[in-house]
Amino acid sequence: MFATPAAIVSVPDPKKLQEWEGRCRRCGECCFEKTIDRYGCVHTTPEPCRFLDIHERTCRVYHQRQELEDDCVQLTPENIDTLHWLPANCSYRSELY
């Protein structure tokens, strides 16, 4: 049986949040613009978010990213299953299954 995302983090505990965010491998894939073709397939474009440091693969405004960028989605155990645009090798996804 697989653990559900809600079972991993059910309350916003700062320690668990830090552990969750520590899983990121800093690939930056989630910070590139995506397009969806007429078949519903998601494609990553070469266009990064304006706040992504493409050399370090980190967000330059990480702690303010949701306030400064409307399209920025905070990855959480609760929403990770619904974010089909994340690559299959995303460490957040692989940690859950």
Protein backbone atom coordinates (compact mmCIF):
# COMPACT_ATOMS: atom_id res chain seq x y z
CA MET A 1 0.00 0.00 0.00
CA PHE A 2 1.27 3.47 -0.90
CA ALA A 3 1.37 6.33 1.56
CA THR A 4 -0.96 9.10 0.56
CA PRO A 5 0.47 12.61 0.40
CA ALA A 6 -1.82 13.71 3.24
CA ALA A 7 -0.41 10.96 5.43
CA ILE A 8 3.10 12.35 4.99
CA VAL A 9 2.39 15.95 5.98
CA SER A 10 -1.03 16.65 7.41
CA VAL A 11 -0.26 19.86 9.30
CA PRO A 12 2.07 22.72 8.34
CA ASP A 13 4.82 21.63 10.71
CA PRO A 14 7.96 23.70 9.88
CA LYS A 15 10.24 20.72 10.53
CA LYS A 16 8.30 18.48 8.14
CA LEU A 17 8.08 21.29 5.60
CA GLN A 18 11.86 21.67 5.70
CA GLU A 19 12.23 17.90 5.26
CA TRP A 20 9.80 17.98 2.31
CA GLU A 21 11.57 20.85 0.58
CA GLY A 22 14.92 19.18 1.21
CA ARG A 23 13.91 16.44 -1.23
CA CYS A 24 14.32 18.78 -4.19
CA ARG A 25 17.33 17.92 -6.39
CA ARG A 26 17.42 21.46 -7.85
CA CYS A 27 16.89 20.30 -11.42
CA GLY A 28 14.78 23.39 -12.14
CA GLU A 29 12.38 21.48 -14.42
CA CYS A 30 9.35 22.81 -12.57
CA CYS A 31 10.52 26.40 -13.17
CA PHE A 32 10.41 26.31 -16.97
CA GLU A 33 7.33 27.37 -18.90
CA LYS A 34 5.10 24.54 -20.10
CA THR A 35 2.80 24.18 -23.08
CA ILE A 36 0.02 21.67 -23.60
CA ASP A 37 -0.54 20.35 -27.08
CA ARG A 38 -3.90 19.47 -28.62
CA TYR A 39 -3.58 15.91 -27.29
CA GLY A 40 -3.11 17.07 -23.72
CA CYS A 41 0.60 16.28 -23.58
CA VAL A 42 2.71 18.66 -21.53
CA HIS A 43 5.95 19.97 -23.05
CA THR A 44 8.63 21.93 -21.22
CA THR A 45 9.83 24.95 -23.14
CA PRO A 46 13.36 26.42 -23.01
CA GLU A 47 11.89 29.55 -21.34
CA PRO A 48 12.68 29.66 -17.59
CA CYS A 49 10.79 31.63 -14.97
CA ARG A 50 12.22 35.12 -14.74
CA PHE A 51 13.36 34.39 -11.17
CA LEU A 52 15.18 31.12 -11.90
CA ASP A 53 18.95 31.30 -11.72
CA ILE A 54 19.60 28.94 -14.63
CA HIS A 55 23.17 28.18 -13.56
CA GLU A 56 22.43 27.36 -9.92
CA ARG A 57 18.91 26.05 -10.66
CA THR A 58 17.52 27.94 -7.70
CA CYS A 59 14.86 30.59 -7.33
CA ARG A 60 16.27 34.06 -6.64
CA VAL A 61 13.10 35.04 -4.72
CA TYR A 62 12.27 31.64 -3.19
CA HIS A 63 10.61 32.88 0.01
CA GLN A 64 8.47 35.38 -1.91
CA ARG A 65 7.85 33.36 -5.07
CA GLN A 66 4.08 32.97 -4.70
CA GLU A 67 3.64 36.69 -4.04
CA LEU A 68 5.84 37.79 -6.95
CA GLU A 69 4.83 35.25 -9.59
CA ASP A 70 1.17 34.39 -10.10
CA ASP A 71 1.98 31.17 -11.97
CA CYS A 72 4.30 29.79 -9.31
CA VAL A 73 2.86 26.69 -7.67
CA GLN A 74 4.12 25.59 -4.28
CA LEU A 75 4.74 21.87 -4.42
CA THR A 76 3.21 20.13 -1.42
CA PRO A 77 2.43 16.54 -0.52
CA GLU A 78 -1.23 17.48 -0.84
CA ASN A 79 -1.04 18.71 -4.44
CA ILE A 80 1.82 16.70 -5.94
CA ASP A 81 -0.50 14.02 -7.39
CA THR A 82 -2.50 16.66 -9.30
CA LEU A 83 0.49 18.34 -10.95
CA HIS A 84 0.77 16.25 -14.09
CA TRP A 85 3.23 18.67 -15.67
CA LEU A 86 6.00 17.66 -13.27
CA PRO A 87 8.53 15.33 -14.88
CA ALA A 88 8.28 11.67 -13.93
CA ASN A 89 11.77 11.80 -12.40
CA CYS A 90 10.88 14.68 -10.05
CA SER A 91 12.23 13.80 -6.62
CA TYR A 92 9.01 14.94 -4.97
CA ARG A 93 7.01 12.45 -7.02
CA SER A 94 9.48 9.59 -6.65
CA GLU A 95 9.60 9.99 -2.86
CA LEU A 96 5.87 9.34 -2.64
CA TYR A 97 5.80 6.10 -4.62
